[in-house]
Amino acid sequence: VQLVESGGGSVPAGGSLTLSCATSGLSFGDVAIGWFRQVPGKEREGISVITSDGGTEYDDSVKGRFTISRDIAKKMVYLQMNGLKSADSAVYYCAGSLRMIGTVKYYLEDFEYDYWGQGTQVTVSS
């Protein structure tokens, strides 16, 4: 199993970025893919998830600005980020969870995940 993030970079406040998560070794019919972010010295924060049946959830901090989507054929998951703020600066990770959780919002907890990518840096300048 492998997850590889890409698409990070530096943008001014108000700008947009799209992060990509390339997966291998996972069946999208069995896995939820989540996006997390972490700032040095702070806990990792769950910001969005897309479940095996296509359900989505967002943390309140990104709701209305970020959109998660997937391409099942390409085994890719995307995070479109609009209206970026300096507070969005972090290392962003995608992760895969094979667990069946009845309530989607609980997929925003990092301990529910089995596989992790290496992360991609997003820096938003104010």
C-alpha atoms as a PDB file:
ATOM      1  CA  VAL A   1       0.000   0.000   0.000  1.00  0.00           C
ATOM      2  CA  GLN A   2       1.285   3.420  -0.914  1.00  0.00           C
ATOM      3  CA  LEU A   3      -0.106   6.939  -0.763  1.00  0.00           C
ATOM      4  CA  VAL A   4       1.789   9.824  -2.335  1.00  0.00           C
ATOM      5  CA  GLU A   5       0.754  13.445  -1.993  1.00  0.00           C
ATOM      6  CA  SER A   6       1.617  16.161  -4.454  1.00  0.00           C
ATOM      7  CA  GLY A   7       0.537  19.673  -5.352  1.00  0.00           C
ATOM      8  CA  GLY A   8       1.745  21.589  -2.340  1.00  0.00           C
ATOM      9  CA  GLY A   9       3.489  24.911  -2.679  1.00  0.00           C
ATOM     10  CA  SER A  10       3.475  28.561  -1.734  1.00  0.00           C
ATOM     11  CA  VAL A  11       0.532  30.825  -2.519  1.00  0.00           C
ATOM     12  CA  PRO A  12      -0.665  34.232  -1.367  1.00  0.00           C
ATOM     13  CA  ALA A  13      -3.652  34.523   0.913  1.00  0.00           C
ATOM     14  CA  GLY A  14      -6.866  34.148  -1.030  1.00  0.00           C
ATOM     15  CA  GLY A  15      -5.231  31.849  -3.544  1.00  0.00           C
ATOM     16  CA  SER A  16      -5.991  28.267  -4.471  1.00  0.00           C
ATOM     17  CA  LEU A  17      -4.189  24.953  -4.612  1.00  0.00           C
ATOM     18  CA  THR A  18      -5.214  21.437  -5.489  1.00  0.00           C
ATOM     19  CA  LEU A  19      -3.550  18.608  -3.637  1.00  0.00           C
ATOM     20  CA  SER A  20      -3.450  15.137  -5.117  1.00  0.00           C
ATOM     21  CA  CYS A  21      -3.129  11.782  -3.401  1.00  0.00           C
ATOM     22  CA  ALA A  22      -2.042   8.902  -5.604  1.00  0.00           C
ATOM     23  CA  THR A  23      -2.891   5.535  -4.100  1.00  0.00           C
ATOM     24  CA  SER A  24      -1.804   2.011  -4.849  1.00  0.00           C
ATOM     25  CA  GLY A  25      -2.663  -1.270  -3.224  1.00  0.00           C
ATOM     26  CA  LEU A  26      -6.067  -0.051  -2.064  1.00  0.00           C
ATOM     27  CA  SER A  27      -9.549  -0.677  -3.392  1.00  0.00           C
ATOM     28  CA  PHE A  28     -11.674   2.451  -3.298  1.00  0.00           C
ATOM     29  CA  GLY A  29     -14.683   0.289  -2.567  1.00  0.00           C
ATOM     30  CA  ASP A  30     -13.126  -0.662   0.760  1.00  0.00           C
ATOM     31  CA  VAL A  31     -11.242   2.417   1.913  1.00  0.00           C
ATOM     32  CA  ALA A  32     -11.899   5.908   3.172  1.00  0.00           C
ATOM     33  CA  ILE A  33      -9.292   8.488   2.223  1.00  0.00           C
ATOM     34  CA  GLY A  34      -8.768  11.408   4.541  1.00  0.00           C
ATOM     35  CA  TRP A  35      -6.757  14.599   4.392  1.00  0.00           C
ATOM     36  CA  PHE A  36      -4.943  15.794   7.486  1.00  0.00           C
ATOM     37  CA  ARG A  37      -2.606  18.654   8.219  1.00  0.00           C
ATOM     38  CA  GLN A  38      -0.013  19.373  10.845  1.00  0.00           C
ATOM     39  CA  VAL A  39       1.894  22.412  11.984  1.00  0.00           C
ATOM     40  CA  PRO A  40       5.116  21.883  13.967  1.00  0.00           C
ATOM     41  CA  GLY A  41       4.357  21.704  17.660  1.00  0.00           C
ATOM     42  CA  LYS A  42       0.656  21.038  17.132  1.00  0.00           C
ATOM     43  CA  GLU A  43      -1.450  17.911  16.828  1.00  0.00           C
ATOM     44  CA  ARG A  44      -2.375  16.539  13.445  1.00  0.00           C
ATOM     45  CA  GLU A  45      -5.781  17.839  12.371  1.00  0.00           C
ATOM     46  CA  GLY A  46      -8.314  15.983  10.259  1.00  0.00           C
ATOM     47  CA  ILE A  47      -9.809  18.293   7.652  1.00  0.00           C
ATOM     48  CA  SER A  48     -11.672  16.167   5.131  1.00  0.00           C
ATOM     49  CA  VAL A  49     -12.580  12.626   4.202  1.00  0.00           C
ATOM     50  CA  ILE A  50     -14.223  10.769   1.350  1.00  0.00           C
ATOM     51  CA  THR A  51     -15.609   7.384   2.301  1.00  0.00           C
ATOM     52  CA  SER A  52     -15.769   4.165   0.318  1.00  0.00           C
ATOM     53  CA  ASP A  53     -19.318   4.991  -0.814  1.00  0.00           C
ATOM     54  CA  GLY A  54     -18.437   8.578  -1.712  1.00  0.00           C
ATOM     55  CA  GLY A  55     -19.658  10.317   1.393  1.00  0.00           C
ATOM     56  CA  THR A  56     -17.720  13.405   2.420  1.00  0.00           C
ATOM     57  CA  GLU A  57     -17.064  15.334   5.588  1.00  0.00           C
ATOM     58  CA  TYR A  58     -15.167  18.503   6.395  1.00  0.00           C
ATOM     59  CA  ASP A  59     -13.793  20.132   9.469  1.00  0.00           C
ATOM     60  CA  ASP A  60     -15.496  23.435  10.225  1.00  0.00           C
ATOM     61  CA  SER A  61     -12.217  25.280   9.618  1.00  0.00           C
ATOM     62  CA  VAL A  62     -12.301  24.404   5.898  1.00  0.00           C
ATOM     63  CA  LYS A  63     -16.002  23.900   5.200  1.00  0.00           C
ATOM     64  CA  GLY A  64     -17.101  25.947   2.205  1.00  0.00           C
ATOM     65  CA  ARG A  65     -13.513  26.528   1.040  1.00  0.00           C
ATOM     66  CA  PHE A  66     -12.119  23.030   0.476  1.00  0.00           C
ATOM     67  CA  THR A  67     -13.592  20.265  -1.675  1.00  0.00           C
ATOM     68  CA  ILE A  68     -12.564  16.623  -1.624  1.00  0.00           C
ATOM     69  CA  SER A  69     -13.107  14.409  -4.643  1.00  0.00           C
ATOM     70  CA  ARG A  70     -11.833  11.201  -6.129  1.00  0.00           C
ATOM     71  CA  ASP A  71     -11.192   9.519  -9.460  1.00  0.00           C
ATOM     72  CA  ILE A  72     -11.840   5.841  -8.878  1.00  0.00           C
ATOM     73  CA  ALA A  73     -10.367   4.729 -12.199  1.00  0.00           C
ATOM     74  CA  LYS A  74      -7.116   6.586 -11.528  1.00  0.00           C
ATOM     75  CA  LYS A  75      -7.143   5.753  -7.803  1.00  0.00           C
ATOM     76  CA  MET A  76      -6.599   9.401  -7.039  1.00  0.00           C
ATOM     77  CA  VAL A  77      -8.074  11.642  -4.365  1.00  0.00           C
ATOM     78  CA  TYR A  78      -7.973  15.425  -4.636  1.00  0.00           C
ATOM     79  CA  LEU A  79      -8.343  18.298  -2.243  1.00  0.00           C
ATOM     80  CA  GLN A  80      -9.291  21.554  -3.939  1.00  0.00           C
ATOM     81  CA  MET A  81      -8.417  24.406  -1.602  1.00  0.00           C
ATOM     82  CA  ASN A  82      -9.824  27.867  -2.273  1.00  0.00           C
ATOM     83  CA  GLY A  83      -9.712  31.054  -0.258  1.00  0.00           C
ATOM     84  CA  LEU A  84      -6.512  29.994   1.432  1.00  0.00           C
ATOM     85  CA  LYS A  85      -5.541  31.700   4.667  1.00  0.00           C
ATOM     86  CA  SER A  86      -2.227  31.883   6.489  1.00  0.00           C
ATOM     87  CA  ALA A  87      -3.763  29.566   9.107  1.00  0.00           C
ATOM     88  CA  ASP A  88      -3.959  26.877   6.408  1.00  0.00           C
ATOM     89  CA  SER A  89      -0.172  26.688   6.208  1.00  0.00           C
ATOM     90  CA  ALA A  90       0.869  23.179   7.226  1.00  0.00           C
ATOM     91  CA  VAL A  91       2.141  19.862   5.996  1.00  0.00           C
ATOM     92  CA  TYR A  92      -0.794  18.070   4.405  1.00  0.00           C
ATOM     93  CA  TYR A  93      -1.129  14.286   4.516  1.00  0.00           C
ATOM     94  CA  CYS A  94      -3.503  11.860   2.902  1.00  0.00           C
ATOM     95  CA  ALA A  95      -4.309   8.642   4.689  1.00  0.00           C
ATOM     96  CA  GLY A  96      -6.295   5.465   4.124  1.00  0.00           C
ATOM     97  CA  SER A  97      -8.674   3.800   6.532  1.00  0.00           C
ATOM     98  CA  LEU A  98     -10.016   0.277   6.076  1.00  0.00           C
ATOM     99  CA  ARG A  99     -12.316   0.593   9.078  1.00  0.00           C
ATOM    100  CA  MET A 100     -16.084   0.671   8.774  1.00  0.00           C
ATOM    101  CA  ILE A 101     -17.241   3.612  10.865  1.00  0.00           C
ATOM    102  CA  GLY A 102     -20.929   4.375  11.022  1.00  0.00           C
ATOM    103  CA  THR A 103     -20.607   8.131  11.487  1.00  0.00           C
ATOM    104  CA  VAL A 104     -18.567   9.866   8.812  1.00  0.00           C
ATOM    105  CA  LYS A 105     -17.254  12.650  11.030  1.00  0.00           C
ATOM    106  CA  TYR A 106     -15.293  10.126  13.082  1.00  0.00           C
ATOM    107  CA  TYR A 107     -13.097   9.541  10.051  1.00  0.00           C
ATOM    108  CA  LEU A 108     -11.524  12.904  10.873  1.00  0.00           C
ATOM    109  CA  GLU A 109      -9.699  11.230  13.764  1.00  0.00           C
ATOM    110  CA  ASP A 110      -6.180  10.230  12.769  1.00  0.00           C
ATOM    111  CA  PHE A 111      -6.176   7.090  14.907  1.00  0.00           C
ATOM    112  CA  GLU A 112      -8.761   5.557  12.558  1.00  0.00           C
ATOM    113  CA  TYR A 113      -6.203   5.390   9.728  1.00  0.00           C
ATOM    114  CA  ASP A 114      -3.966   2.534   8.704  1.00  0.00           C
ATOM    115  CA  TYR A 115      -1.832   4.020   5.930  1.00  0.00           C
ATOM    116  CA  TRP A 116      -0.200   7.429   5.495  1.00  0.00           C
ATOM    117  CA  GLY A 117       1.569   9.388   2.826  1.00  0.00           C
ATOM    118  CA  GLN A 118       4.751  11.355   3.365  1.00  0.00           C
ATOM    119  CA  GLY A 119       3.121  14.781   3.273  1.00  0.00           C
ATOM    120  CA  THR A 120       3.308  17.892   1.126  1.00  0.00           C
ATOM    121  CA  GLN A 121       3.977  21.406   2.387  1.00  0.00           C
ATOM    122  CA  VAL A 122       1.456  24.193   1.866  1.00  0.00           C
ATOM    123  CA  THR A 123       2.542  27.718   2.718  1.00  0.00           C
ATOM    124  CA  VAL A 124       0.127  30.631   2.517  1.00  0.00           C
ATOM    125  CA  SER A 125       1.610  34.092   2.783  1.00  0.00           C
ATOM    126  CA  SER A 126      -0.452  36.946   4.159  1.00  0.00           C
END
